[in-house]
Amino acid sequence: MKNLITIAMVVLLAALCLELNRDNQRLRANERALKQSVMFYQTTANRSVASVESLTLELNEFKRQHREDRATIEELGIRLRRMDSYAKSVTVSTLRDTIILRDTVILHDSLRYVHHTTAWTTLRALLNRDTMSYEIINYDTLHQVVHRVPRKFWFIPYGTKAIRQEITCSNPNTRLIYTEYLEIN
């Protein structure tokens, strides 16, 4: 009997040490990721890229540290315990151009400046005698949730039927056109 208790204690101690080691590795990786800043660069095709190392959070840490994101996820009707990953990206789109006006009559020789700002868009325009230069800036935040869809048998959820990705935009003027989620094993 004493041998069984000793073996059980050794197995329990080994399992506890393995769990503590995994948690320490996770915390070290999170510390390394937090010390690094987001890396911004452009591809040869002039596309903007942001690269960041991922953080690994436990569910209770996510609930405590990301209350606003939690509300967004619950608004989508997704249970937090079924969530696999969450990503948030903020985008800014800028459009600049100069238009040459022909056959127009402007009575004053002075410059005219137009500036209009909302929570999501900024418009700046400069009108000169025969040209108009403008800049339009759009702001948006994308929230991405990857979660498991459970199988159901008589309304009892079990297992995993599929992995789904949900993306929502903060800007009411933004319309999502396409999204794709690939999982590589």
Protein backbone atom coordinates (compact mmCIF):
# COMPACT_ATOMS: atom_id res chain seq x y z
CA MET A 1 0.00 0.00 0.00
CA LYS A 2 2.83 2.35 0.85
CA ASN A 3 4.39 1.67 -2.55
CA LEU A 4 1.17 2.67 -4.33
CA ILE A 5 0.94 5.90 -2.36
CA THR A 6 4.60 6.67 -3.06
CA ILE A 7 4.17 5.96 -6.79
CA ALA A 8 1.01 8.11 -6.90
CA MET A 9 2.81 10.97 -5.14
CA VAL A 10 5.76 10.75 -7.55
CA VAL A 11 3.44 10.74 -10.58
CA LEU A 12 1.46 13.66 -9.16
CA LEU A 13 4.67 15.59 -8.44
CA ALA A 14 5.99 14.91 -11.97
CA ALA A 15 2.68 16.08 -13.51
CA LEU A 16 2.78 19.23 -11.37
CA CYS A 17 6.39 19.94 -12.42
CA LEU A 18 5.50 19.49 -16.11
CA GLU A 19 2.54 21.86 -15.78
CA LEU A 20 4.65 24.48 -14.00
CA ASN A 21 7.35 24.15 -16.68
CA ARG A 22 4.75 24.65 -19.48
CA ASP A 23 3.33 27.70 -17.73
CA ASN A 24 6.83 29.18 -17.23
CA GLN A 25 7.62 28.67 -20.93
CA ARG A 26 4.34 30.39 -21.86
CA LEU A 27 5.08 33.33 -19.57
CA ARG A 28 8.65 33.65 -20.94
CA ALA A 29 7.32 33.63 -24.51
CA ASN A 30 4.72 36.29 -23.58
CA GLU A 31 7.42 38.41 -21.94
CA ARG A 32 9.58 38.18 -25.08
CA ALA A 33 6.60 39.08 -27.28
CA LEU A 34 5.73 42.10 -25.12
CA LYS A 35 9.30 43.39 -25.24
CA GLN A 36 9.26 43.38 -29.03
CA SER A 37 7.40 46.13 -30.83
CA VAL A 38 5.21 45.71 -33.88
CA MET A 39 7.33 45.55 -37.03
CA PHE A 40 5.96 47.56 -39.96
CA TYR A 41 7.29 47.15 -43.48
CA GLN A 42 6.23 47.08 -47.11
CA THR A 43 6.49 44.24 -49.60
CA THR A 44 8.02 44.63 -53.04
CA ALA A 45 4.47 45.09 -54.37
CA ASN A 46 4.17 48.10 -52.00
CA ARG A 47 1.69 46.40 -49.65
CA SER A 48 1.68 47.39 -46.00
CA VAL A 49 2.57 44.63 -43.54
CA ALA A 50 2.48 44.55 -39.74
CA SER A 51 4.21 41.67 -37.98
CA VAL A 52 3.80 40.87 -34.30
CA GLU A 53 4.56 37.83 -32.15
CA SER A 54 1.51 36.22 -30.60
CA LEU A 55 0.64 36.21 -26.91
CA THR A 56 -0.79 33.12 -25.26
CA LEU A 57 -3.41 33.91 -22.63
CA GLU A 58 -5.52 31.69 -20.47
CA LEU A 59 -9.27 32.31 -20.64
CA ASN A 60 -9.46 34.02 -17.23
CA GLU A 61 -6.55 36.32 -18.21
CA PHE A 62 -8.34 37.27 -21.43
CA LYS A 63 -11.59 37.98 -19.54
CA ARG A 64 -9.76 40.19 -17.04
CA GLN A 65 -7.53 42.13 -19.45
CA HIS A 66 -9.77 42.53 -22.53
CA ARG A 67 -13.20 43.58 -21.30
CA GLU A 68 -14.11 45.60 -24.44
CA ASP A 69 -13.06 42.75 -26.72
CA ARG A 70 -15.05 40.34 -24.58
CA ALA A 71 -18.15 42.48 -25.15
CA THR A 72 -17.55 42.40 -28.92
CA ILE A 73 -17.25 38.61 -28.89
CA GLU A 74 -20.42 38.19 -26.82
CA GLU A 75 -22.22 40.58 -29.19
CA LEU A 76 -21.39 38.14 -32.01
CA GLY A 77 -23.09 35.38 -30.02
CA ILE A 78 -19.89 33.39 -29.42
CA ARG A 79 -19.15 31.73 -26.09
CA LEU A 80 -15.73 32.64 -24.78
CA ARG A 81 -14.86 29.07 -23.86
CA ARG A 82 -15.23 28.05 -27.54
CA MET A 83 -12.82 30.75 -28.71
CA ASP A 84 -9.49 29.52 -30.10
CA SER A 85 -7.87 32.84 -30.97
CA TYR A 86 -8.62 36.55 -31.15
CA ALA A 87 -6.94 39.23 -33.24
CA LYS A 88 -7.53 42.96 -33.53
CA SER A 89 -6.08 45.21 -36.24
CA VAL A 90 -6.45 48.95 -36.74
CA THR A 91 -6.31 50.27 -40.29
CA VAL A 92 -5.91 53.71 -41.82
CA SER A 93 -6.57 54.29 -45.51
CA THR A 94 -5.39 57.52 -47.13
CA LEU A 95 -6.41 58.80 -50.55
CA ARG A 96 -4.65 61.83 -52.01
CA ASP A 97 -5.14 63.46 -55.37
CA THR A 98 -5.08 66.76 -57.22
CA ILE A 99 -7.82 67.73 -59.63
CA ILE A 100 -7.34 70.40 -62.28
CA LEU A 101 -10.48 72.43 -62.88
CA ARG A 102 -11.08 73.80 -66.37
CA ASP A 103 -13.61 76.34 -67.61
CA THR A 104 -14.55 77.51 -64.13
CA VAL A 105 -14.77 80.98 -62.78
CA ILE A 106 -13.63 81.64 -59.23
CA LEU A 107 -14.25 85.20 -58.18
CA HIS A 108 -11.60 85.38 -55.50
CA ASP A 109 -7.92 84.81 -55.95
CA SER A 110 -7.50 83.38 -52.44
CA LEU A 111 -7.10 79.78 -51.34
CA ARG A 112 -10.03 77.94 -49.81
CA TYR A 113 -9.48 75.20 -47.26
CA VAL A 114 -12.06 72.55 -46.36
CA HIS A 115 -11.61 70.36 -43.30
CA HIS A 116 -14.23 67.85 -42.13
CA THR A 117 -13.66 65.23 -39.40
CA THR A 118 -15.86 62.46 -38.02
CA ALA A 119 -14.93 59.58 -35.73
CA TRP A 120 -14.09 57.43 -38.77
CA THR A 121 -13.13 59.81 -41.60
CA THR A 122 -11.08 62.96 -42.10
CA LEU A 123 -11.36 65.06 -45.27
CA ARG A 124 -8.97 67.89 -46.10
CA ALA A 125 -9.24 69.84 -49.33
CA LEU A 126 -7.43 72.87 -50.68
CA LEU A 127 -9.07 74.84 -53.49
CA ASN A 128 -6.90 77.11 -55.61
CA ARG A 129 -7.80 78.97 -58.79
CA ASP A 130 -7.78 75.98 -61.12
CA THR A 131 -6.82 73.04 -58.90
CA MET A 132 -8.22 71.15 -55.99
CA SER A 133 -5.97 68.98 -53.80
CA TYR A 134 -7.61 66.65 -51.33
CA GLU A 135 -6.83 63.95 -48.79
CA ILE A 136 -9.32 61.45 -47.36
CA ILE A 137 -8.32 59.35 -44.34
CA ASN A 138 -10.46 56.41 -43.13
CA TYR A 139 -9.93 54.77 -39.73
CA ASP A 140 -11.14 51.30 -38.82
CA THR A 141 -10.60 48.55 -36.25
CA LEU A 142 -11.04 44.92 -37.27
CA HIS A 143 -11.92 42.34 -34.60
CA GLN A 144 -11.27 38.69 -35.52
CA VAL A 145 -12.45 35.72 -33.47
CA VAL A 146 -11.67 32.10 -34.31
CA HIS A 147 -13.95 29.69 -32.45
CA ARG A 148 -15.16 26.11 -32.40
CA VAL A 149 -18.70 25.24 -33.51
CA PRO A 150 -19.93 22.25 -31.49
CA ARG A 151 -21.79 19.23 -32.82
CA LYS A 152 -25.27 18.89 -31.35
CA PHE A 153 -27.32 15.85 -30.45
CA TRP A 154 -30.78 16.70 -29.17
CA PHE A 155 -29.56 20.24 -28.39
CA ILE A 156 -26.66 18.89 -26.33
CA PRO A 157 -23.35 20.36 -27.58
CA TYR A 158 -20.37 18.01 -27.79
CA GLY A 159 -17.11 17.80 -29.73
CA THR A 160 -16.22 20.10 -32.61
CA LYS A 161 -18.11 20.24 -35.90
CA ALA A 162 -16.14 23.09 -37.45
CA ILE A 163 -13.74 25.96 -36.80
CA ARG A 164 -15.19 29.36 -37.78
CA GLN A 165 -13.71 32.81 -38.10
CA GLU A 166 -15.83 35.89 -37.34
CA ILE A 167 -14.60 39.36 -38.29
CA THR A 168 -16.35 42.61 -37.48
CA CYS A 169 -15.48 46.24 -38.28
CA SER A 170 -15.85 49.24 -36.01
CA ASN A 171 -16.28 51.72 -38.87
CA PRO A 172 -19.94 51.71 -40.01
CA ASN A 173 -18.81 52.83 -43.49
CA THR A 174 -16.60 49.76 -43.97
CA ARG A 175 -17.95 46.70 -45.72
CA LEU A 176 -16.05 43.42 -45.54
CA ILE A 177 -15.50 41.96 -49.00
CA TYR A 178 -13.53 38.77 -48.39
CA THR A 179 -11.96 36.77 -45.61
CA GLU A 180 -10.17 33.46 -45.45
CA TYR A 181 -8.95 31.34 -42.56
CA LEU A 182 -6.50 28.52 -43.15
CA GLU A 183 -5.35 26.10 -40.49
CA ILE A 184 -2.16 24.21 -41.23
CA ASN A 185 -1.36 21.00 -39.32
